[in-house]
PDB file of N, CA and C in Angstrom:
ATOM      1  N   MET A   1       0.874  -1.175  -0.035  1.00  0.00           N
ATOM      2  CA  MET A   1      -0.012   0.034   0.001  1.00  0.00           C
ATOM      3  C   MET A   1       0.926   1.157   0.023  1.00  0.00           C
ATOM      4  N   GLY A   2       2.086   1.143   0.264  1.00  0.00           N
ATOM      5  CA  GLY A   2       3.022   2.289   0.212  1.00  0.00           C
ATOM      6  C   GLY A   2       3.126   3.058  -1.089  1.00  0.00           C
ATOM      7  N   PRO A   3       3.432   2.281  -2.196  1.00  0.00           N
ATOM      8  CA  PRO A   3       3.510   2.995  -3.525  1.00  0.00           C
ATOM      9  C   PRO A   3       2.309   3.814  -3.862  1.00  0.00           C
ATOM     10  N   ILE A   4       1.072   3.148  -3.463  1.00  0.00           N
ATOM     11  CA  ILE A   4      -0.111   3.907  -3.811  1.00  0.00           C
ATOM     12  C   ILE A   4      -0.135   5.181  -3.113  1.00  0.00           C
ATOM     13  N   LEU A   5       0.283   5.329  -1.974  1.00  0.00           N
ATOM     14  CA  LEU A   5       0.251   6.562  -1.156  1.00  0.00           C
ATOM     15  C   LEU A   5       1.144   7.534  -1.784  1.00  0.00           C
ATOM     16  N   TRP A   6       2.264   7.148  -2.298  1.00  0.00           N
ATOM     17  CA  TRP A   6       3.288   8.101  -2.915  1.00  0.00           C
ATOM     18  C   TRP A   6       2.656   8.580  -4.329  1.00  0.00           C
ATOM     19  N   VAL A   7       1.971   7.720  -4.898  1.00  0.00           N
ATOM     20  CA  VAL A   7       1.203   8.215  -6.157  1.00  0.00           C
ATOM     21  C   VAL A   7       0.225   9.289  -5.782  1.00  0.00           C
ATOM     22  N   VAL A   8      -0.604   9.121  -4.697  1.00  0.00           N
ATOM     23  CA  VAL A   8      -1.505  10.031  -4.271  1.00  0.00           C
ATOM     24  C   VAL A   8      -0.859  11.236  -3.838  1.00  0.00           C
ATOM     25  N   VAL A   9       0.205  11.282  -3.099  1.00  0.00           N
ATOM     26  CA  VAL A   9       0.903  12.458  -2.852  1.00  0.00           C
ATOM     27  C   VAL A   9       1.476  13.181  -4.090  1.00  0.00           C
ATOM     28  N   ALA A  10       1.973  12.441  -5.029  1.00  0.00           N
ATOM     29  CA  ALA A  10       2.465  13.098  -6.270  1.00  0.00           C
ATOM     30  C   ALA A  10       1.330  13.748  -6.951  1.00  0.00           C
ATOM     31  N   VAL A  11       0.206  13.102  -7.113  1.00  0.00           N
ATOM     32  CA  VAL A  11      -0.935  13.616  -7.796  1.00  0.00           C
ATOM     33  C   VAL A  11      -1.469  14.901  -7.102  1.00  0.00           C
ATOM     34  N   LEU A  12      -1.554  14.893  -5.806  1.00  0.00           N
ATOM     35  CA  LEU A  12      -2.037  16.028  -5.036  1.00  0.00           C
ATOM     36  C   LEU A  12      -1.109  17.220  -5.248  1.00  0.00           C
ATOM     37  N   VAL A  13       0.185  16.938  -5.246  1.00  0.00           N
ATOM     38  CA  VAL A  13       1.082  18.107  -5.344  1.00  0.00           C
ATOM     39  C   VAL A  13       1.100  18.639  -6.755  1.00  0.00           C
ATOM     40  N   VAL A  14       0.989  17.849  -7.805  1.00  0.00           N
ATOM     41  CA  VAL A  14       0.799  18.361  -9.134  1.00  0.00           C
ATOM     42  C   VAL A  14      -0.428  19.092  -9.311  1.00  0.00           C
ATOM     43  N   LEU A  15      -1.581  18.642  -8.690  1.00  0.00           N
ATOM     44  CA  LEU A  15      -2.823  19.381  -8.716  1.00  0.00           C
ATOM     45  C   LEU A  15      -2.684  20.786  -7.973  1.00  0.00           C
ATOM     46  N   TRP A  16      -1.976  20.764  -7.071  1.00  0.00           N
ATOM     47  CA  TRP A  16      -1.746  21.896  -6.223  1.00  0.00           C
ATOM     48  C   TRP A  16      -1.017  22.991  -7.016  1.00  0.00           C
ATOM     49  N   LEU A  17       0.109  22.415  -7.691  1.00  0.00           N
ATOM     50  CA  LEU A  17       0.882  23.358  -8.479  1.00  0.00           C
ATOM     51  C   LEU A  17       0.150  23.864  -9.701  1.00  0.00           C
ATOM     52  N   LEU A  18      -0.691  23.008 -10.248  1.00  0.00           N
ATOM     53  CA  LEU A  18      -1.492  23.508 -11.421  1.00  0.00           C
ATOM     54  C   LEU A  18      -2.451  24.516 -10.878  1.00  0.00           C
ATOM     55  N   GLY A  19      -3.060  24.251  -9.775  1.00  0.00           N
ATOM     56  CA  GLY A  19      -4.088  25.305  -9.373  1.00  0.00           C
ATOM     57  C   GLY A  19      -3.406  26.609  -8.889  1.00  0.00           C
ATOM     58  N   PHE A  20      -2.068  26.499  -8.419  1.00  0.00           N
ATOM     59  CA  PHE A  20      -1.396  27.635  -8.023  1.00  0.00           C
ATOM     60  C   PHE A  20      -0.978  28.452  -9.102  1.00  0.00           C
ATOM     61  N   VAL A  21      -0.390  27.843 -10.138  1.00  0.00           N
ATOM     62  CA  VAL A  21       0.281  28.555 -11.225  1.00  0.00           C
ATOM     63  C   VAL A  21      -0.705  28.833 -12.303  1.00  0.00           C
ATOM     64  N   VAL A  22      -1.525  27.826 -12.764  1.00  0.00           N
ATOM     65  CA  VAL A  22      -2.284  27.996 -14.014  1.00  0.00           C
ATOM     66  C   VAL A  22      -3.676  28.520 -13.650  1.00  0.00           C
ATOM     67  N   VAL A  23      -4.447  27.740 -12.884  1.00  0.00           N
ATOM     68  CA  VAL A  23      -5.848  28.117 -12.653  1.00  0.00           C
ATOM     69  C   VAL A  23      -6.144  29.232 -11.641  1.00  0.00           C
ATOM     70  N   HIS A  24      -5.375  29.156 -10.764  1.00  0.00           N
ATOM     71  CA  HIS A  24      -5.379  30.200  -9.636  1.00  0.00           C
ATOM     72  C   HIS A  24      -6.974  30.271  -8.980  1.00  0.00           C
ATOM     73  N   VAL A  25      -7.384  29.067  -8.679  1.00  0.00           N
ATOM     74  CA  VAL A  25      -8.770  29.073  -8.165  1.00  0.00           C
ATOM     75  C   VAL A  25      -9.020  29.775  -7.050  1.00  0.00           C
ATOM     76  N   THR A  26      -9.027  29.209  -5.801  1.00  0.00           N
ATOM     77  CA  THR A  26      -9.073  30.010  -4.583  1.00  0.00           C
ATOM     78  C   THR A  26      -8.017  29.581  -3.668  1.00  0.00           C
ATOM     79  N   GLY A  27      -7.574  30.410  -2.811  1.00  0.00           N
ATOM     80  CA  GLY A  27      -6.536  30.090  -1.893  1.00  0.00           C
ATOM     81  C   GLY A  27      -6.929  28.893  -0.942  1.00  0.00           C
ATOM     82  N   PHE A  28      -8.155  28.865  -0.660  1.00  0.00           N
ATOM     83  CA  PHE A  28      -8.641  27.814   0.349  1.00  0.00           C
ATOM     84  C   PHE A  28      -8.384  26.392  -0.370  1.00  0.00           C
ATOM     85  N   PHE A  29      -8.812  26.271  -1.593  1.00  0.00           N
ATOM     86  CA  PHE A  29      -8.747  24.825  -2.265  1.00  0.00           C
ATOM     87  C   PHE A  29      -7.234  24.574  -2.466  1.00  0.00           C
ATOM     88  N   ILE A  30      -6.496  25.480  -2.804  1.00  0.00           N
ATOM     89  CA  ILE A  30      -5.079  25.126  -3.073  1.00  0.00           C
ATOM     90  C   ILE A  30      -4.395  24.624  -1.723  1.00  0.00           C
ATOM     91  N   HIS A  31      -4.751  25.392  -0.607  1.00  0.00           N
ATOM     92  CA  HIS A  31      -4.020  24.999   0.543  1.00  0.00           C
ATOM     93  C   HIS A  31      -4.646  23.685   1.121  1.00  0.00           C
ATOM     94  N   ILE A  32      -5.939  23.414   0.753  1.00  0.00           N
ATOM     95  CA  ILE A  32      -6.464  22.038   1.203  1.00  0.00           C
ATOM     96  C   ILE A  32      -5.747  20.895   0.433  1.00  0.00           C
ATOM     97  N   LEU A  33      -5.400  21.166  -0.928  1.00  0.00           N
ATOM     98  CA  LEU A  33      -4.697  20.210  -1.669  1.00  0.00           C
ATOM     99  C   LEU A  33      -3.281  19.901  -1.039  1.00  0.00           C
ATOM    100  N   LEU A  34      -2.679  21.105  -0.620  1.00  0.00           N
ATOM    101  CA  LEU A  34      -1.293  21.043   0.010  1.00  0.00           C
ATOM    102  C   LEU A  34      -1.324  20.267   1.302  1.00  0.00           C
ATOM    103  N   ILE A  35      -2.310  20.564   2.104  1.00  0.00           N
ATOM    104  CA  ILE A  35      -2.508  19.843   3.377  1.00  0.00           C
ATOM    105  C   ILE A  35      -2.662  18.363   3.076  1.00  0.00           C
ATOM    106  N   LEU A  36      -3.542  17.940   2.160  1.00  0.00           N
ATOM    107  CA  LEU A  36      -3.782  16.539   2.001  1.00  0.00           C
ATOM    108  C   LEU A  36      -2.513  15.901   1.501  1.00  0.00           C
ATOM    109  N   ALA A  37      -1.684  16.543   0.731  1.00  0.00           N
ATOM    110  CA  ALA A  37      -0.470  15.960   0.197  1.00  0.00           C
ATOM    111  C   ALA A  37       0.544  15.725   1.246  1.00  0.00           C
ATOM    112  N   VAL A  38       0.562  16.723   2.236  1.00  0.00           N
ATOM    113  CA  VAL A  38       1.541  16.570   3.371  1.00  0.00           C
ATOM    114  C   VAL A  38       1.050  15.440   4.232  1.00  0.00           C
ATOM    115  N   LEU A  39      -0.287  15.380   4.607  1.00  0.00           N
ATOM    116  CA  LEU A  39      -0.750  14.367   5.457  1.00  0.00           C
ATOM    117  C   LEU A  39      -0.637  12.926   4.799  1.00  0.00           C
ATOM    118  N   ALA A  40      -0.789  12.822   3.499  1.00  0.00           N
ATOM    119  CA  ALA A  40      -0.541  11.583   2.912  1.00  0.00           C
ATOM    120  C   ALA A  40       1.006  11.104   2.934  1.00  0.00           C
ATOM    121  N   ALA A  41       1.840  12.114   2.833  1.00  0.00           N
ATOM    122  CA  ALA A  41       3.268  11.724   2.944  1.00  0.00           C
ATOM    123  C   ALA A  41       3.614  11.304   4.374  1.00  0.00           C
ATOM    124  N   ILE A  42       3.117  12.076   5.331  1.00  0.00           N
ATOM    125  CA  ILE A  42       3.345  11.750   6.798  1.00  0.00           C
ATOM    126  C   ILE A  42       2.812  10.241   7.094  1.00  0.00           C
ATOM    127  N   PHE A  43       1.577  10.107   6.557  1.00  0.00           N
ATOM    128  CA  PHE A  43       1.117   8.747   6.780  1.00  0.00           C
ATOM    129  C   PHE A  43       1.842   7.621   6.171  1.00  0.00           C
ATOM    130  N   ALA A  44       2.370   7.957   4.994  1.00  0.00           N
ATOM    131  CA  ALA A  44       3.112   6.931   4.274  1.00  0.00           C
ATOM    132  C   ALA A  44       4.443   6.709   5.029  1.00  0.00           C
ATOM    133  N   LEU A  45       5.082   7.714   5.643  1.00  0.00           N
ATOM    134  CA  LEU A  45       6.350   7.484   6.445  1.00  0.00           C
ATOM    135  C   LEU A  45       6.043   6.613   7.613  1.00  0.00           C
ATOM    136  N   PHE A  46       5.023   6.931   8.361  1.00  0.00           N
ATOM    137  CA  PHE A  46       4.566   6.180   9.575  1.00  0.00           C
ATOM    138  C   PHE A  46       4.260   4.757   9.147  1.00  0.00           C
ATOM    139  N   ASP A  47       3.583   4.589   8.022  1.00  0.00           N
ATOM    140  CA  ASP A  47       3.220   3.297   7.635  1.00  0.00           C
ATOM    141  C   ASP A  47       4.439   2.440   7.181  1.00  0.00           C
ATOM    142  N   ARG A  48       5.400   3.118   6.611  1.00  0.00           N
ATOM    143  CA  ARG A  48       6.670   2.376   6.265  1.00  0.00           C
ATOM    144  C   ARG A  48       7.402   1.975   7.518  1.00  0.00           C
ATOM    145  N   SER A  49       7.411   2.860   8.416  1.00  0.00           N
ATOM    146  CA  SER A  49       8.162   2.483   9.737  1.00  0.00           C
ATOM    147  C   SER A  49       7.568   1.365  10.588  1.00  0.00           C
ATOM    148  N   ARG A  50       6.273   1.155  10.353  1.00  0.00           N
ATOM    149  CA  ARG A  50       5.592   0.073  11.036  1.00  0.00           C
ATOM    150  C   ARG A  50       5.939  -1.291  10.333  1.00  0.00           C
ATOM    151  N   ALA A  51       6.069  -1.201   9.059  1.00  0.00           N
ATOM    152  CA  ALA A  51       6.249  -2.498   8.322  1.00  0.00           C
ATOM    153  C   ALA A  51       7.609  -3.126   8.547  1.00  0.00           C
TER     154      ALA A  51
END
């Protein structure tokens, strides 16, 4: 399940960058994407340490 989480992190970071640079939607949505990416990365690190 580890590689799937890294894919999720990568997708969320790319979406965040696209929203920040190209679309410039709302600050709230962009920061939510960033927070989700960071949380997924932290979860993946803790999940790896337990395995």
